[in-house]
C-alpha cells in the first residue's frame, strides 16, 4: 500500500495527478488534492498532498476513480480496504468485550462502515516551523487505522504535551475517534493528533477511516449517559463549520 501510494505522488506528472483532482468545494470529495498553503500573519498552516479513496460500503467503491499509472494500484487498494475493514471490526469487538459488553455492541452501534482510505504525502518543507502537515484534530468517526513510512511525523496529545510517535515499519497505529468515545460513554477516549513536517525528507502515511452512515444516530451504551446522542451527519457538518482544531465537537456533546 505504501509503495503504490508513493508511486502516485513521486512518479506521476502534475497533469496526471490533476486528472484525478477532487472537488475543492466539497470536503468529502474523492480524488487528489493539495494543502500547500503559505503561512501568513503567524498562522501555522497545512503542508500536504493527499489522495482520498471511497472504499466501503461496496456501493461507494468505484476503482475507475483511482489512479491507474501503477499497474496494480487499484487491486492493492481494494485488498487493503478489505483487510482494514476486518481488522477494524475485530478491534471494536475486543473493545466491547473489555467493557463487559457483547462483542458486537460497538460495531452494531456504528452500523455499516463508511470507509475512506487517505494517502497523505508531506514533501520536505523549507520552513517546517511555520507549517503542520496536518493540524491538530480528533477523528470524527469510529476508528482509524494508520500506517506510515520510516520518516515519522505523527504526534499525539497526552498529559498536556505533544508526544512524537516513533514510526514502526510493520506497525498499524490504532486511533480511536469521537463516536467510539460517545458509544463507550468516555471509557475509551478519542485521540487528538497532528502531523509535523521536516526540511529534509518527504513522508508518507495511509489513514483508513471507519465511520458511521450520515443518518446514524449514536448514543452512549452505558447509564447514566455523559454525552448527548448525536446524528452523525450533523456532527460532521459541525466539525467542518468549526474547523478541526482540538476536540471542540466532542466537548460540545458533554452533558
C-alpha atoms as a PDB file:
ATOM      1  CA  UNK A   1       0.000   0.000   0.000  1.00  0.00           C
ATOM      2  CA  UNK A   2       2.837   2.374   0.823  1.00  0.00           C
ATOM      3  CA  UNK A   3       4.618   1.501  -2.410  1.00  0.00           C
ATOM      4  CA  UNK A   4       1.702   2.236  -4.742  1.00  0.00           C
ATOM      5  CA  UNK A   5       0.770   5.339  -2.784  1.00  0.00           C
ATOM      6  CA  UNK A   6       4.268   6.748  -3.047  1.00  0.00           C
ATOM      7  CA  UNK A   7       4.422   5.934  -6.769  1.00  0.00           C
ATOM      8  CA  UNK A   8       1.455   8.233  -7.422  1.00  0.00           C
ATOM      9  CA  UNK A   9       2.998  11.236  -5.668  1.00  0.00           C
ATOM     10  CA  UNK A  10       6.613  10.779  -6.760  1.00  0.00           C
ATOM     11  CA  UNK A  11       6.374   9.211 -10.227  1.00  0.00           C
ATOM     12  CA  UNK A  12       3.337  10.924 -11.770  1.00  0.00           C
ATOM     13  CA  UNK A  13       3.392  14.284 -13.515  1.00  0.00           C
ATOM     14  CA  UNK A  14       1.247  17.106 -12.182  1.00  0.00           C
ATOM     15  CA  UNK A  15      -1.062  16.722 -15.187  1.00  0.00           C
ATOM     16  CA  UNK A  16      -1.544  13.055 -14.326  1.00  0.00           C
ATOM     17  CA  UNK A  17      -2.306  13.925 -10.696  1.00  0.00           C
ATOM     18  CA  UNK A  18      -4.755  16.658 -11.693  1.00  0.00           C
ATOM     19  CA  UNK A  19      -6.630  14.215 -13.915  1.00  0.00           C
ATOM     20  CA  UNK A  20      -7.853  12.748 -10.602  1.00  0.00           C
ATOM     21  CA  UNK A  21      -8.401  16.075  -8.819  1.00  0.00           C
ATOM     22  CA  UNK A  22     -11.095  16.159  -6.156  1.00  0.00           C
ATOM     23  CA  UNK A  23     -13.719  18.874  -5.883  1.00  0.00           C
ATOM     24  CA  UNK A  24     -12.087  21.610  -3.751  1.00  0.00           C
ATOM     25  CA  UNK A  25     -15.522  22.857  -2.681  1.00  0.00           C
ATOM     26  CA  UNK A  26     -16.577  19.511  -1.230  1.00  0.00           C
ATOM     27  CA  UNK A  27     -14.728  18.237   1.871  1.00  0.00           C
ATOM     28  CA  UNK A  28     -15.927  14.679   1.155  1.00  0.00           C
ATOM     29  CA  UNK A  29     -14.857  14.612  -2.492  1.00  0.00           C
ATOM     30  CA  UNK A  30     -12.842  11.626  -3.730  1.00  0.00           C
ATOM     31  CA  UNK A  31      -9.524  12.087  -5.501  1.00  0.00           C
ATOM     32  CA  UNK A  32      -6.293  14.091  -5.443  1.00  0.00           C
ATOM     33  CA  UNK A  33      -5.929  17.320  -3.500  1.00  0.00           C
ATOM     34  CA  UNK A  34      -3.265  19.591  -2.094  1.00  0.00           C
ATOM     35  CA  UNK A  35      -2.932  21.743   1.012  1.00  0.00           C
ATOM     36  CA  UNK A  36       0.325  23.509   0.210  1.00  0.00           C
ATOM     37  CA  UNK A  37      -0.588  26.747   1.959  1.00  0.00           C
ATOM     38  CA  UNK A  38       1.738  29.656   2.668  1.00  0.00           C
ATOM     39  CA  UNK A  39       1.860  30.858   6.241  1.00  0.00           C
ATOM     40  CA  UNK A  40       0.785  34.428   6.882  1.00  0.00           C
ATOM     41  CA  UNK A  41       0.068  36.533   9.960  1.00  0.00           C
ATOM     42  CA  UNK A  42       1.960  33.995  12.098  1.00  0.00           C
ATOM     43  CA  UNK A  43      -0.649  31.326  11.318  1.00  0.00           C
ATOM     44  CA  UNK A  44       0.508  27.705  11.124  1.00  0.00           C
ATOM     45  CA  UNK A  45      -0.959  26.110   8.012  1.00  0.00           C
ATOM     46  CA  UNK A  46      -1.114  22.707   6.330  1.00  0.00           C
ATOM     47  CA  UNK A  47       1.610  21.285   4.084  1.00  0.00           C
ATOM     48  CA  UNK A  48       0.266  18.130   2.466  1.00  0.00           C
ATOM     49  CA  UNK A  49      -0.759  16.393  -0.756  1.00  0.00           C
ATOM     50  CA  UNK A  50      -3.339  13.643  -0.469  1.00  0.00           C
ATOM     51  CA  UNK A  51      -5.488  11.167  -2.357  1.00  0.00           C
ATOM     52  CA  UNK A  52      -8.809  10.120  -0.825  1.00  0.00           C
ATOM     53  CA  UNK A  53     -10.452   6.833  -1.881  1.00  0.00           C
ATOM     54  CA  UNK A  54     -14.072   5.920  -1.140  1.00  0.00           C
ATOM     55  CA  UNK A  55     -13.779   2.204  -0.437  1.00  0.00           C
ATOM     56  CA  UNK A  56     -16.796   0.996   1.593  1.00  0.00           C
ATOM     57  CA  UNK A  57     -19.650   0.188   1.517  1.00  0.00           C
ATOM     58  CA  UNK A  58     -19.267  -1.626  -1.815  1.00  0.00           C
ATOM     59  CA  UNK A  59     -21.793   0.692  -3.484  1.00  0.00           C
ATOM     60  CA  UNK A  60     -19.326   3.609  -2.993  1.00  0.00           C
ATOM     61  CA  UNK A  61     -16.305   1.755  -4.327  1.00  0.00           C
ATOM     62  CA  UNK A  62     -15.516   2.815  -7.891  1.00  0.00           C
ATOM     63  CA  UNK A  63     -11.907   1.878  -8.759  1.00  0.00           C
ATOM     64  CA  UNK A  64     -12.120   3.798 -12.039  1.00  0.00           C
ATOM     65  CA  UNK A  65     -11.748   6.932  -9.909  1.00  0.00           C
ATOM     66  CA  UNK A  66      -8.426   5.674  -8.512  1.00  0.00           C
ATOM     67  CA  UNK A  67      -5.023   6.081 -10.206  1.00  0.00           C
ATOM     68  CA  UNK A  68      -4.078   3.587 -12.897  1.00  0.00           C
ATOM     69  CA  UNK A  69      -0.474   4.651 -13.528  1.00  0.00           C
ATOM     70  CA  UNK A  70       0.850   1.825 -11.336  1.00  0.00           C
ATOM     71  CA  UNK A  71      -0.402  -1.431 -12.863  1.00  0.00           C
ATOM     72  CA  UNK A  72      -1.730  -2.933  -9.620  1.00  0.00           C
ATOM     73  CA  UNK A  73      -2.679   0.279  -7.756  1.00  0.00           C
ATOM     74  CA  UNK A  74      -6.415  -0.400  -7.808  1.00  0.00           C
ATOM     75  CA  UNK A  75      -6.039  -4.059  -6.858  1.00  0.00           C
ATOM     76  CA  UNK A  76      -3.800  -3.189  -3.908  1.00  0.00           C
ATOM     77  CA  UNK A  77      -6.179  -0.506  -2.587  1.00  0.00           C
ATOM     78  CA  UNK A  78      -9.202  -2.838  -2.820  1.00  0.00           C
ATOM     79  CA  UNK A  79      -7.404  -5.659  -0.996  1.00  0.00           C
ATOM     80  CA  UNK A  80      -6.056  -3.288   1.641  1.00  0.00           C
ATOM     81  CA  UNK A  81      -9.562  -1.901   2.160  1.00  0.00           C
ATOM     82  CA  UNK A  82     -10.994  -5.350   2.864  1.00  0.00           C
ATOM     83  CA  UNK A  83      -8.205  -6.254   5.280  1.00  0.00           C
ATOM     84  CA  UNK A  84      -8.523  -2.996   7.229  1.00  0.00           C
ATOM     85  CA  UNK A  85     -12.294  -3.467   7.423  1.00  0.00           C
ATOM     86  CA  UNK A  86     -11.831  -6.893   9.003  1.00  0.00           C
ATOM     87  CA  UNK A  87      -9.232  -5.561  11.451  1.00  0.00           C
ATOM     88  CA  UNK A  88     -11.431  -2.626  12.500  1.00  0.00           C
ATOM     89  CA  UNK A  89     -14.347  -4.963  13.215  1.00  0.00           C
ATOM     90  CA  UNK A  90     -12.103  -7.249  15.277  1.00  0.00           C
ATOM     91  CA  UNK A  91     -10.702  -4.363  17.319  1.00  0.00           C
ATOM     92  CA  UNK A  92     -14.139  -2.912  18.103  1.00  0.00           C
ATOM     93  CA  UNK A  93     -15.226  -6.395  19.170  1.00  0.00           C
ATOM     94  CA  UNK A  94     -12.311  -6.689  21.587  1.00  0.00           C
ATOM     95  CA  UNK A  95     -13.023  -3.223  22.953  1.00  0.00           C
ATOM     96  CA  UNK A  96     -16.668  -4.133  23.551  1.00  0.00           C
ATOM     97  CA  UNK A  97     -15.677  -7.281  25.415  1.00  0.00           C
ATOM     98  CA  UNK A  98     -13.189  -5.330  27.548  1.00  0.00           C
ATOM     99  CA  UNK A  99     -16.115  -3.239  28.825  1.00  0.00           C
ATOM    100  CA  UNK A 100     -18.285  -6.248  29.608  1.00  0.00           C
ATOM    101  CA  UNK A 101     -20.461  -5.693  26.537  1.00  0.00           C
ATOM    102  CA  UNK A 102     -21.386  -8.194  23.804  1.00  0.00           C
ATOM    103  CA  UNK A 103     -18.579  -8.311  21.256  1.00  0.00           C
ATOM    104  CA  UNK A 104     -20.807  -6.825  18.563  1.00  0.00           C
ATOM    105  CA  UNK A 105     -22.019  -3.883  20.678  1.00  0.00           C
ATOM    106  CA  UNK A 106     -19.811  -1.032  19.392  1.00  0.00           C
ATOM    107  CA  UNK A 107     -19.915  -2.234  15.795  1.00  0.00           C
ATOM    108  CA  UNK A 108     -23.717  -2.558  15.913  1.00  0.00           C
ATOM    109  CA  UNK A 109     -23.931   0.977  17.292  1.00  0.00           C
ATOM    110  CA  UNK A 110     -21.728   2.279  14.470  1.00  0.00           C
ATOM    111  CA  UNK A 111     -23.552   0.261  11.807  1.00  0.00           C
ATOM    112  CA  UNK A 112     -22.181  -0.386   8.330  1.00  0.00           C
ATOM    113  CA  UNK A 113     -18.738   1.125   7.931  1.00  0.00           C
ATOM    114  CA  UNK A 114     -18.279   4.045   5.597  1.00  0.00           C
ATOM    115  CA  UNK A 115     -14.587   3.566   4.933  1.00  0.00           C
ATOM    116  CA  UNK A 116     -12.240   6.090   3.326  1.00  0.00           C
ATOM    117  CA  UNK A 117      -8.554   5.498   2.663  1.00  0.00           C
ATOM    118  CA  UNK A 118      -6.464   8.656   2.531  1.00  0.00           C
ATOM    119  CA  UNK A 119      -2.867   8.522   1.350  1.00  0.00           C
ATOM    120  CA  UNK A 120      -1.055  11.635   2.597  1.00  0.00           C
ATOM    121  CA  UNK A 121       2.263  12.828   1.181  1.00  0.00           C
ATOM    122  CA  UNK A 122       4.252  15.505   3.011  1.00  0.00           C
ATOM    123  CA  UNK A 123       7.081  16.945   0.851  1.00  0.00           C
ATOM    124  CA  UNK A 124      10.147  18.410   2.562  1.00  0.00           C
ATOM    125  CA  UNK A 125       9.186  21.830   3.886  1.00  0.00           C
ATOM    126  CA  UNK A 126      11.745  24.668   3.753  1.00  0.00           C
ATOM    127  CA  UNK A 127      10.244  26.273   6.879  1.00  0.00           C
ATOM    128  CA  UNK A 128       8.743  23.453   8.964  1.00  0.00           C
ATOM    129  CA  UNK A 129       8.343  25.751  11.967  1.00  0.00           C
ATOM    130  CA  UNK A 130       5.654  27.665  10.021  1.00  0.00           C
ATOM    131  CA  UNK A 131       3.577  24.678   8.980  1.00  0.00           C
ATOM    132  CA  UNK A 132       1.990  21.462  10.109  1.00  0.00           C
ATOM    133  CA  UNK A 133       1.489  18.513   7.836  1.00  0.00           C
ATOM    134  CA  UNK A 134      -1.978  18.244   9.340  1.00  0.00           C
ATOM    135  CA  UNK A 135      -3.469  20.425  12.054  1.00  0.00           C
ATOM    136  CA  UNK A 136      -4.412  19.158  15.495  1.00  0.00           C
ATOM    137  CA  UNK A 137      -7.705  17.244  15.495  1.00  0.00           C
ATOM    138  CA  UNK A 138      -9.503  14.151  16.699  1.00  0.00           C
ATOM    139  CA  UNK A 139     -11.120  11.982  14.041  1.00  0.00           C
ATOM    140  CA  UNK A 140     -14.893  12.263  13.669  1.00  0.00           C
ATOM    141  CA  UNK A 141     -15.904   8.636  13.134  1.00  0.00           C
ATOM    142  CA  UNK A 142     -15.350   5.358  14.975  1.00  0.00           C
ATOM    143  CA  UNK A 143     -11.819   4.044  14.422  1.00  0.00           C
ATOM    144  CA  UNK A 144      -8.851   4.946  12.218  1.00  0.00           C
ATOM    145  CA  UNK A 145      -6.047   2.586  11.237  1.00  0.00           C
ATOM    146  CA  UNK A 146      -2.829   4.318  10.162  1.00  0.00           C
ATOM    147  CA  UNK A 147       0.454   3.186   8.671  1.00  0.00           C
ATOM    148  CA  UNK A 148       3.426   5.434   7.997  1.00  0.00           C
ATOM    149  CA  UNK A 149       6.869   5.140   6.458  1.00  0.00           C
ATOM    150  CA  UNK A 150      10.172   5.276   8.321  1.00  0.00           C
ATOM    151  CA  UNK A 151      10.377   9.082   8.367  1.00  0.00           C
ATOM    152  CA  UNK A 152       7.751   9.669  11.033  1.00  0.00           C
ATOM    153  CA  UNK A 153       5.786  12.803  11.834  1.00  0.00           C
ATOM    154  CA  UNK A 154       2.770  11.681  13.856  1.00  0.00           C
ATOM    155  CA  UNK A 155       2.293  13.332  17.242  1.00  0.00           C
ATOM    156  CA  UNK A 156      -0.405  12.679  19.856  1.00  0.00           C
ATOM    157  CA  UNK A 157      -1.579  14.977  22.651  1.00  0.00           C
ATOM    158  CA  UNK A 158      -1.033  13.410  26.070  1.00  0.00           C
ATOM    159  CA  UNK A 159      -0.758  14.896  29.558  1.00  0.00           C
ATOM    160  CA  UNK A 160      -0.596  18.449  28.255  1.00  0.00           C
ATOM    161  CA  UNK A 161       2.126  17.983  25.642  1.00  0.00           C
ATOM    162  CA  UNK A 162       2.716  16.668  22.134  1.00  0.00           C
ATOM    163  CA  UNK A 163       4.367  13.235  22.069  1.00  0.00           C
ATOM    164  CA  UNK A 164       6.219  12.085  18.938  1.00  0.00           C
ATOM    165  CA  UNK A 165       5.151   8.596  17.831  1.00  0.00           C
ATOM    166  CA  UNK A 166       8.158   6.661  16.620  1.00  0.00           C
ATOM    167  CA  UNK A 167       7.416   5.036  13.260  1.00  0.00           C
ATOM    168  CA  UNK A 168       7.096   1.242  13.214  1.00  0.00           C
ATOM    169  CA  UNK A 169       7.571  -0.079   9.699  1.00  0.00           C
ATOM    170  CA  UNK A 170       5.335  -3.110  10.230  1.00  0.00           C
ATOM    171  CA  UNK A 171       3.009  -1.480  12.768  1.00  0.00           C
ATOM    172  CA  UNK A 172      -0.589  -0.351  12.341  1.00  0.00           C
ATOM    173  CA  UNK A 173      -1.478   2.557  14.613  1.00  0.00           C
ATOM    174  CA  UNK A 174      -4.977   2.418  16.082  1.00  0.00           C
ATOM    175  CA  UNK A 175      -6.509   5.866  16.549  1.00  0.00           C
ATOM    176  CA  UNK A 176      -9.856   5.924  18.323  1.00  0.00           C
ATOM    177  CA  UNK A 177     -12.315   8.517  17.059  1.00  0.00           C
ATOM    178  CA  UNK A 178     -15.113  10.620  18.549  1.00  0.00           C
ATOM    179  CA  UNK A 179     -18.077   8.285  18.027  1.00  0.00           C
ATOM    180  CA  UNK A 180     -16.320   5.478  19.893  1.00  0.00           C
ATOM    181  CA  UNK A 181     -15.877   7.859  22.814  1.00  0.00           C
ATOM    182  CA  UNK A 182     -19.616   8.615  22.712  1.00  0.00           C
ATOM    183  CA  UNK A 183     -20.659   4.937  22.480  1.00  0.00           C
ATOM    184  CA  UNK A 184     -18.356   3.862  25.334  1.00  0.00           C
ATOM    185  CA  UNK A 185     -19.514   6.844  27.407  1.00  0.00           C
ATOM    186  CA  UNK A 186     -15.955   8.141  27.669  1.00  0.00           C
ATOM    187  CA  UNK A 187     -14.358   4.908  28.866  1.00  0.00           C
ATOM    188  CA  UNK A 188     -12.390   4.929  25.633  1.00  0.00           C
ATOM    189  CA  UNK A 189     -11.185   8.373  24.545  1.00  0.00           C
ATOM    190  CA  UNK A 190     -10.651   9.699  21.054  1.00  0.00           C
ATOM    191  CA  UNK A 191      -7.080  10.764  20.400  1.00  0.00           C
ATOM    192  CA  UNK A 192      -6.071  14.324  19.434  1.00  0.00           C
ATOM    193  CA  UNK A 193      -3.196  14.094  16.970  1.00  0.00           C
ATOM    194  CA  UNK A 194      -1.369  16.028  14.283  1.00  0.00           C
ATOM    195  CA  UNK A 195       1.352  15.584  11.666  1.00  0.00           C
ATOM    196  CA  UNK A 196       4.545  17.630  11.661  1.00  0.00           C
ATOM    197  CA  UNK A 197       6.817  18.398   8.715  1.00  0.00           C
ATOM    198  CA  UNK A 198      10.571  18.459   8.272  1.00  0.00           C
ATOM    199  CA  UNK A 199      13.007  20.149   5.898  1.00  0.00           C
ATOM    200  CA  UNK A 200      14.948  17.070   4.758  1.00  0.00           C
ATOM    201  CA  UNK A 201      12.683  14.144   3.891  1.00  0.00           C
ATOM    202  CA  UNK A 202       9.305  13.508   2.314  1.00  0.00           C
ATOM    203  CA  UNK A 203       6.915  11.493   4.466  1.00  0.00           C
ATOM    204  CA  UNK A 204       4.026   9.212   3.511  1.00  0.00           C
ATOM    205  CA  UNK A 205       1.180   7.878   5.634  1.00  0.00           C
ATOM    206  CA  UNK A 206      -2.027   5.974   4.899  1.00  0.00           C
ATOM    207  CA  UNK A 207      -5.096   6.540   7.093  1.00  0.00           C
ATOM    208  CA  UNK A 208      -8.094   4.224   6.857  1.00  0.00           C
ATOM    209  CA  UNK A 209     -11.178   5.821   8.404  1.00  0.00           C
ATOM    210  CA  UNK A 210     -14.180   3.766   9.527  1.00  0.00           C
ATOM    211  CA  UNK A 211     -17.217   5.994  10.064  1.00  0.00           C
ATOM    212  CA  UNK A 212     -20.974   5.576  10.573  1.00  0.00           C
ATOM    213  CA  UNK A 213     -23.508   6.468   7.903  1.00  0.00           C
ATOM    214  CA  UNK A 214     -24.532  10.139   7.965  1.00  0.00           C
ATOM    215  CA  UNK A 215     -28.056   9.077   9.027  1.00  0.00           C
ATOM    216  CA  UNK A 216     -26.858   7.036  12.006  1.00  0.00           C
ATOM    217  CA  UNK A 217     -27.795   8.285  15.489  1.00  0.00           C
ATOM    218  CA  UNK A 218     -25.217   7.437  18.156  1.00  0.00           C
ATOM    219  CA  UNK A 219     -25.568   7.488  21.926  1.00  0.00           C
ATOM    220  CA  UNK A 220     -23.784   6.048  24.979  1.00  0.00           C
ATOM    221  CA  UNK A 221     -24.184   2.339  25.724  1.00  0.00           C
ATOM    222  CA  UNK A 222     -23.989   2.993  29.474  1.00  0.00           C
ATOM    223  CA  UNK A 223     -26.132   4.775  32.069  1.00  0.00           C
ATOM    224  CA  UNK A 224     -26.046   7.472  33.152  1.00  0.00           C
ATOM    225  CA  UNK A 225     -25.003   8.969  29.793  1.00  0.00           C
ATOM    226  CA  UNK A 226     -22.216  11.553  29.768  1.00  0.00           C
ATOM    227  CA  UNK A 227     -22.860  12.610  26.159  1.00  0.00           C
ATOM    228  CA  UNK A 228     -25.837  13.762  24.156  1.00  0.00           C
ATOM    229  CA  UNK A 229     -26.945  11.445  21.389  1.00  0.00           C
ATOM    230  CA  UNK A 230     -25.930  12.761  18.001  1.00  0.00           C
ATOM    231  CA  UNK A 231     -26.803  12.209  14.353  1.00  0.00           C
ATOM    232  CA  UNK A 232     -23.519  11.594  12.616  1.00  0.00           C
ATOM    233  CA  UNK A 233     -24.290  13.792   9.610  1.00  0.00           C
ATOM    234  CA  UNK A 234     -24.976  16.727  11.932  1.00  0.00           C
ATOM    235  CA  UNK A 235     -21.719  16.023  13.761  1.00  0.00           C
ATOM    236  CA  UNK A 236     -19.748  16.109  10.510  1.00  0.00           C
ATOM    237  CA  UNK A 237     -21.323  19.427   9.487  1.00  0.00           C
ATOM    238  CA  UNK A 238     -20.457  20.901  12.874  1.00  0.00           C
ATOM    239  CA  UNK A 239     -16.859  19.646  12.606  1.00  0.00           C
ATOM    240  CA  UNK A 240     -16.340  21.298   9.229  1.00  0.00           C
ATOM    241  CA  UNK A 241     -18.007  24.539  10.288  1.00  0.00           C
ATOM    242  CA  UNK A 242     -15.800  24.884  13.378  1.00  0.00           C
ATOM    243  CA  UNK A 243     -12.583  23.531  11.902  1.00  0.00           C
ATOM    244  CA  UNK A 244     -10.520  20.585  13.117  1.00  0.00           C
ATOM    245  CA  UNK A 245      -8.574  22.210  15.950  1.00  0.00           C
ATOM    246  CA  UNK A 246      -8.621  20.181  19.135  1.00  0.00           C
ATOM    247  CA  UNK A 247     -11.783  18.381  20.247  1.00  0.00           C
ATOM    248  CA  UNK A 248     -14.388  21.140  20.261  1.00  0.00           C
ATOM    249  CA  UNK A 249     -17.035  18.937  18.682  1.00  0.00           C
ATOM    250  CA  UNK A 250     -16.869  16.093  21.183  1.00  0.00           C
ATOM    251  CA  UNK A 251     -16.674  18.520  24.099  1.00  0.00           C
ATOM    252  CA  UNK A 252     -19.903  20.124  22.902  1.00  0.00           C
ATOM    253  CA  UNK A 253     -21.690  16.771  23.375  1.00  0.00           C
ATOM    254  CA  UNK A 254     -20.828  16.510  27.065  1.00  0.00           C
ATOM    255  CA  UNK A 255     -23.811  16.629  29.409  1.00  0.00           C
END
